[in-house]
Amino acid sequence: MANRAALIIPALDEEPAIGRTLDRIPRDLYREIIVADNGSRDRTAEIARAHGATVVSEPERGYGAACLRAISALPPNIEAVVFMDADSSDDPTEAVLLLEPIYEGRADLVIGSRTLGQAEEGALEPHQVLGNRLPRAAIVPCSPNAGGTCKHSVGIKILRNHESGEVR
C-alpha cells in the first residue's frame, strides 16, 4: 500500500498537537503529507515543516477551504486522499484499514465512524453527534463486506477518483 495515498491535515492554531499528530503517522503509507494551515497565529506551520510535512497556506477560513487548497497541491498520480484532524484525536494507524476498500476497488469513499469507535467521553459536542447521525442515515457506511459499519478511526475520511484512480 506504500505511497499510493496522500494525507491532508487541515490545521488552525494547532501548535500544541501538530508535532505529536505528525509523529504518529505511518510514513510509508503516504507519498505526501500536506498540512493546510488555515491562518494559524501560532507556530503550527513551522512545527509541521520541522516534522517533515509539506505546508500550504489558505487564508480563507474554513475546513473546506483548507482542504481544497491542499488538494490543489497534490502530486500527480495519487490514488487516494486521506483527511485527518490535526489535534491528535484520530488514530493515524487506522488509515490502513480504511484504505483497503479503496485499493481493492470496493469503495470510492470511506469515512471512519465517530460514533462507533472508541471516542473518548466528551470528545464530541452534541451538535457533532447529531451532525454525524444525519449523514449516516443517508449514506451506506463502509465495511469490508459493503453492508455493515466501519468501526475504525474517529474522523479519518478517504476518497478516490472513480474514473482514473487519481484525485483531482
C-alpha atoms as a PDB file:
ATOM      1  CA  MET A   1       0.000   0.000   0.000  1.00  0.00           C
ATOM      2  CA  ALA A   2       3.003   2.268   0.214  1.00  0.00           C
ATOM      3  CA  ASN A   3       2.997   5.640  -1.492  1.00  0.00           C
ATOM      4  CA  ARG A   4      -0.353   5.413  -3.257  1.00  0.00           C
ATOM      5  CA  ALA A   5      -2.050   7.917  -0.963  1.00  0.00           C
ATOM      6  CA  ALA A   6      -1.591  11.459   0.250  1.00  0.00           C
ATOM      7  CA  LEU A   7      -2.548  12.712   3.696  1.00  0.00           C
ATOM      8  CA  ILE A   8      -4.178  16.110   4.164  1.00  0.00           C
ATOM      9  CA  ILE A   9      -4.333  17.674   7.617  1.00  0.00           C
ATOM     10  CA  PRO A  10      -6.228  20.985   7.833  1.00  0.00           C
ATOM     11  CA  ALA A  11      -4.919  22.980  10.789  1.00  0.00           C
ATOM     12  CA  LEU A  12      -5.688  26.182  12.636  1.00  0.00           C
ATOM     13  CA  ASP A  13      -3.667  27.109  15.718  1.00  0.00           C
ATOM     14  CA  GLU A  14      -2.666  23.514  16.482  1.00  0.00           C
ATOM     15  CA  GLU A  15       0.816  24.250  17.863  1.00  0.00           C
ATOM     16  CA  PRO A  16       0.352  22.036  20.953  1.00  0.00           C
ATOM     17  CA  ALA A  17      -0.740  18.970  18.938  1.00  0.00           C
ATOM     18  CA  ILE A  18       0.567  19.081  15.351  1.00  0.00           C
ATOM     19  CA  GLY A  19       4.016  17.652  16.144  1.00  0.00           C
ATOM     20  CA  ARG A  20       2.536  14.728  18.085  1.00  0.00           C
ATOM     21  CA  THR A  21      -0.008  14.144  15.311  1.00  0.00           C
ATOM     22  CA  LEU A  22       2.688  14.019  12.624  1.00  0.00           C
ATOM     23  CA  ASP A  23       4.961  11.791  14.715  1.00  0.00           C
ATOM     24  CA  ARG A  24       2.206   9.152  14.981  1.00  0.00           C
ATOM     25  CA  ILE A  25       1.664   8.866  11.200  1.00  0.00           C
ATOM     26  CA  PRO A  26       2.921   5.709   9.448  1.00  0.00           C
ATOM     27  CA  ARG A  27       5.143   7.474   6.874  1.00  0.00           C
ATOM     28  CA  ASP A  28       5.398   4.532   4.477  1.00  0.00           C
ATOM     29  CA  LEU A  29       1.645   4.757   3.866  1.00  0.00           C
ATOM     30  CA  TYR A  30       1.833   8.161   2.143  1.00  0.00           C
ATOM     31  CA  ARG A  31       3.674   9.670  -0.783  1.00  0.00           C
ATOM     32  CA  GLU A  32       2.906  13.143   0.553  1.00  0.00           C
ATOM     33  CA  ILE A  33       1.755  14.605   3.866  1.00  0.00           C
ATOM     34  CA  ILE A  34       0.249  18.070   3.493  1.00  0.00           C
ATOM     35  CA  VAL A  35      -0.689  20.330   6.372  1.00  0.00           C
ATOM     36  CA  ALA A  36      -3.111  23.012   5.179  1.00  0.00           C
ATOM     37  CA  ASP A  37      -2.511  25.922   7.521  1.00  0.00           C
ATOM     38  CA  ASN A  38      -5.714  27.928   7.720  1.00  0.00           C
ATOM     39  CA  GLY A  39      -4.299  31.192   9.064  1.00  0.00           C
ATOM     40  CA  SER A  40      -2.720  29.998  12.290  1.00  0.00           C
ATOM     41  CA  ARG A  41      -1.369  32.696  14.600  1.00  0.00           C
ATOM     42  CA  ASP A  42       0.969  30.274  16.355  1.00  0.00           C
ATOM     43  CA  ARG A  43       3.834  28.008  15.231  1.00  0.00           C
ATOM     44  CA  THR A  44       1.634  25.327  13.600  1.00  0.00           C
ATOM     45  CA  ALA A  45       3.207  25.694  10.124  1.00  0.00           C
ATOM     46  CA  GLU A  46       6.776  25.858  11.458  1.00  0.00           C
ATOM     47  CA  ILE A  47       6.330  22.733  13.583  1.00  0.00           C
ATOM     48  CA  ALA A  48       4.649  20.851  10.721  1.00  0.00           C
ATOM     49  CA  ARG A  49       7.593  21.625   8.406  1.00  0.00           C
ATOM     50  CA  ALA A  50      10.061  20.543  11.111  1.00  0.00           C
ATOM     51  CA  HIS A  51       8.208  17.207  11.305  1.00  0.00           C
ATOM     52  CA  GLY A  52       8.533  16.613   7.560  1.00  0.00           C
ATOM     53  CA  ALA A  53       5.160  17.810   6.255  1.00  0.00           C
ATOM     54  CA  THR A  54       4.617  19.975   3.222  1.00  0.00           C
ATOM     55  CA  VAL A  55       2.774  23.075   4.404  1.00  0.00           C
ATOM     56  CA  VAL A  56       0.373  25.058   2.246  1.00  0.00           C
ATOM     57  CA  SER A  57      -1.364  28.222   3.400  1.00  0.00           C
ATOM     58  CA  GLU A  58      -5.040  29.055   2.940  1.00  0.00           C
ATOM     59  CA  PRO A  59      -6.058  32.461   4.297  1.00  0.00           C
ATOM     60  CA  GLU A  60      -9.790  31.900   3.678  1.00  0.00           C
ATOM     61  CA  ARG A  61     -11.079  30.427   6.908  1.00  0.00           C
ATOM     62  CA  GLY A  62     -12.854  27.104   6.936  1.00  0.00           C
ATOM     63  CA  TYR A  63     -12.185  23.390   6.842  1.00  0.00           C
ATOM     64  CA  GLY A  64     -13.368  23.132   3.235  1.00  0.00           C
ATOM     65  CA  ALA A  65     -11.163  25.978   2.025  1.00  0.00           C
ATOM     66  CA  ALA A  66      -8.122  24.443   3.712  1.00  0.00           C
ATOM     67  CA  CYS A  67      -8.874  21.012   2.215  1.00  0.00           C
ATOM     68  CA  LEU A  68      -9.352  22.436  -1.292  1.00  0.00           C
ATOM     69  CA  ARG A  69      -6.045  24.313  -1.065  1.00  0.00           C
ATOM     70  CA  ALA A  70      -4.250  21.116  -0.044  1.00  0.00           C
ATOM     71  CA  ILE A  71      -5.933  19.125  -2.836  1.00  0.00           C
ATOM     72  CA  SER A  72      -4.602  21.677  -5.333  1.00  0.00           C
ATOM     73  CA  ALA A  73      -1.068  20.904  -4.070  1.00  0.00           C
ATOM     74  CA  LEU A  74      -1.300  17.123  -4.506  1.00  0.00           C
ATOM     75  CA  PRO A  75       1.423  15.424  -6.523  1.00  0.00           C
ATOM     76  CA  PRO A  76       0.343  13.572  -9.691  1.00  0.00           C
ATOM     77  CA  ASN A  77      -0.939  10.006  -9.675  1.00  0.00           C
ATOM     78  CA  ILE A  78      -2.250   9.953  -6.128  1.00  0.00           C
ATOM     79  CA  GLU A  79      -4.788   7.141  -5.884  1.00  0.00           C
ATOM     80  CA  ALA A  80      -6.365   8.094  -2.558  1.00  0.00           C
ATOM     81  CA  VAL A  81      -6.510  11.135  -0.320  1.00  0.00           C
ATOM     82  CA  VAL A  82      -6.813  10.765   3.431  1.00  0.00           C
ATOM     83  CA  PHE A  83      -8.156  13.670   5.502  1.00  0.00           C
ATOM     84  CA  MET A  84      -7.294  13.708   9.199  1.00  0.00           C
ATOM     85  CA  ASP A  85      -7.694  16.181  12.066  1.00  0.00           C
ATOM     86  CA  ALA A  86      -4.602  17.997  13.344  1.00  0.00           C
ATOM     87  CA  ASP A  87      -5.428  17.738  17.036  1.00  0.00           C
ATOM     88  CA  SER A  88      -4.301  14.109  17.573  1.00  0.00           C
ATOM     89  CA  SER A  89      -7.898  12.983  18.095  1.00  0.00           C
ATOM     90  CA  ASP A  90      -7.624  10.458  15.240  1.00  0.00           C
ATOM     91  CA  ASP A  91      -5.527   7.296  15.316  1.00  0.00           C
ATOM     92  CA  PRO A  92      -3.471   7.589  12.114  1.00  0.00           C
ATOM     93  CA  THR A  93      -2.531   3.900  12.169  1.00  0.00           C
ATOM     94  CA  GLU A  94      -6.150   3.004  11.400  1.00  0.00           C
ATOM     95  CA  ALA A  95      -6.000   4.656   7.980  1.00  0.00           C
ATOM     96  CA  VAL A  96      -4.535   1.449   6.568  1.00  0.00           C
ATOM     97  CA  LEU A  97      -7.787  -0.345   7.448  1.00  0.00           C
ATOM     98  CA  LEU A  98      -9.815   2.342   5.745  1.00  0.00           C
ATOM     99  CA  LEU A  99      -7.624   2.361   2.627  1.00  0.00           C
ATOM    100  CA  GLU A 100      -8.218  -1.341   1.956  1.00  0.00           C
ATOM    101  CA  PRO A 101     -11.699  -0.923   0.412  1.00  0.00           C
ATOM    102  CA  ILE A 102     -10.333   1.871  -1.821  1.00  0.00           C
ATOM    103  CA  TYR A 103      -7.356  -0.131  -3.061  1.00  0.00           C
ATOM    104  CA  GLU A 104      -9.442  -3.266  -3.546  1.00  0.00           C
ATOM    105  CA  GLY A 105     -11.947  -1.342  -5.678  1.00  0.00           C
ATOM    106  CA  ARG A 106     -14.839  -1.882  -3.261  1.00  0.00           C
ATOM    107  CA  ALA A 107     -15.302   1.792  -2.371  1.00  0.00           C
ATOM    108  CA  ASP A 108     -14.678   5.279  -3.689  1.00  0.00           C
ATOM    109  CA  LEU A 109     -15.289   6.983  -0.349  1.00  0.00           C
ATOM    110  CA  VAL A 110     -14.618   5.656   3.139  1.00  0.00           C
ATOM    111  CA  ILE A 111     -15.442   7.577   6.305  1.00  0.00           C
ATOM    112  CA  GLY A 112     -14.319   6.395   9.719  1.00  0.00           C
ATOM    113  CA  SER A 113     -17.063   6.348  12.336  1.00  0.00           C
ATOM    114  CA  ARG A 114     -17.020   8.997  15.035  1.00  0.00           C
ATOM    115  CA  THR A 115     -19.738   7.222  16.964  1.00  0.00           C
ATOM    116  CA  LEU A 116     -18.988   3.503  16.722  1.00  0.00           C
ATOM    117  CA  GLY A 117     -15.297   3.621  17.573  1.00  0.00           C
ATOM    118  CA  GLN A 118     -13.638   4.292  20.882  1.00  0.00           C
ATOM    119  CA  ALA A 119     -14.098   8.069  21.057  1.00  0.00           C
ATOM    120  CA  GLU A 120     -13.322   9.404  24.500  1.00  0.00           C
ATOM    121  CA  GLU A 121     -16.233  10.711  26.553  1.00  0.00           C
ATOM    122  CA  GLY A 122     -16.770  14.379  25.812  1.00  0.00           C
ATOM    123  CA  ALA A 123     -14.817  14.212  22.546  1.00  0.00           C
ATOM    124  CA  LEU A 124     -17.934  15.104  20.559  1.00  0.00           C
ATOM    125  CA  GLU A 125     -20.192  18.051  21.262  1.00  0.00           C
ATOM    126  CA  PRO A 126     -23.975  17.447  20.967  1.00  0.00           C
ATOM    127  CA  HIS A 127     -24.122  19.178  17.576  1.00  0.00           C
ATOM    128  CA  GLN A 128     -21.294  16.914  16.323  1.00  0.00           C
ATOM    129  CA  VAL A 129     -23.151  13.797  17.456  1.00  0.00           C
ATOM    130  CA  LEU A 130     -26.251  14.957  15.562  1.00  0.00           C
ATOM    131  CA  GLY A 131     -24.149  16.010  12.583  1.00  0.00           C
ATOM    132  CA  ASN A 132     -22.703  12.515  12.370  1.00  0.00           C
ATOM    133  CA  ARG A 133     -26.059  10.756  12.695  1.00  0.00           C
ATOM    134  CA  LEU A 134     -27.721  12.630   9.834  1.00  0.00           C
ATOM    135  CA  PRO A 135     -25.324  11.630   7.038  1.00  0.00           C
ATOM    136  CA  ARG A 136     -25.058   8.117   8.427  1.00  0.00           C
ATOM    137  CA  ALA A 137     -28.777   7.742   7.840  1.00  0.00           C
ATOM    138  CA  ALA A 138     -28.328   8.830   4.212  1.00  0.00           C
ATOM    139  CA  ILE A 139     -25.071   7.086   3.304  1.00  0.00           C
ATOM    140  CA  VAL A 140     -24.320   3.373   3.421  1.00  0.00           C
ATOM    141  CA  PRO A 141     -21.431   3.105   5.905  1.00  0.00           C
ATOM    142  CA  CYS A 142     -18.203   1.407   4.931  1.00  0.00           C
ATOM    143  CA  SER A 143     -17.301  -2.135   5.771  1.00  0.00           C
ATOM    144  CA  PRO A 144     -15.183  -4.930   4.374  1.00  0.00           C
ATOM    145  CA  ASN A 145     -18.453  -6.507   3.161  1.00  0.00           C
ATOM    146  CA  ALA A 146     -20.045  -3.211   2.000  1.00  0.00           C
ATOM    147  CA  GLY A 147     -23.060  -3.809   4.176  1.00  0.00           C
ATOM    148  CA  GLY A 148     -22.119  -3.208   7.784  1.00  0.00           C
ATOM    149  CA  THR A 149     -20.447  -0.384   9.587  1.00  0.00           C
ATOM    150  CA  CYS A 150     -16.779   0.505   9.774  1.00  0.00           C
ATOM    151  CA  LYS A 151     -15.753   0.897  13.413  1.00  0.00           C
ATOM    152  CA  HIS A 152     -12.281   2.189  12.643  1.00  0.00           C
ATOM    153  CA  SER A 153     -10.915   5.618  13.407  1.00  0.00           C
ATOM    154  CA  VAL A 154     -12.679   8.654  14.635  1.00  0.00           C
ATOM    155  CA  GLY A 155     -12.642  11.215  11.859  1.00  0.00           C
ATOM    156  CA  ILE A 156     -10.473   9.941   9.045  1.00  0.00           C
ATOM    157  CA  LYS A 157     -12.013  10.360   5.609  1.00  0.00           C
ATOM    158  CA  ILE A 158     -10.616   8.811   2.428  1.00  0.00           C
ATOM    159  CA  LEU A 159     -11.632   9.312  -1.189  1.00  0.00           C
ATOM    160  CA  ARG A 160     -10.632   8.141  -4.655  1.00  0.00           C
ATOM    161  CA  ASN A 161     -11.427   9.393  -8.131  1.00  0.00           C
ATOM    162  CA  HIS A 162     -13.587   6.653  -9.671  1.00  0.00           C
ATOM    163  CA  GLU A 163     -12.768   7.470 -13.290  1.00  0.00           C
ATOM    164  CA  SER A 164      -8.988   7.416 -13.239  1.00  0.00           C
ATOM    165  CA  GLY A 165      -7.967   6.303  -9.795  1.00  0.00           C
ATOM    166  CA  GLU A 166      -6.454   9.753  -9.312  1.00  0.00           C
ATOM    167  CA  VAL A 167      -7.791  12.572  -7.183  1.00  0.00           C
ATOM    168  CA  ARG A 168      -8.106  15.921  -8.905  1.00  0.00           C
END
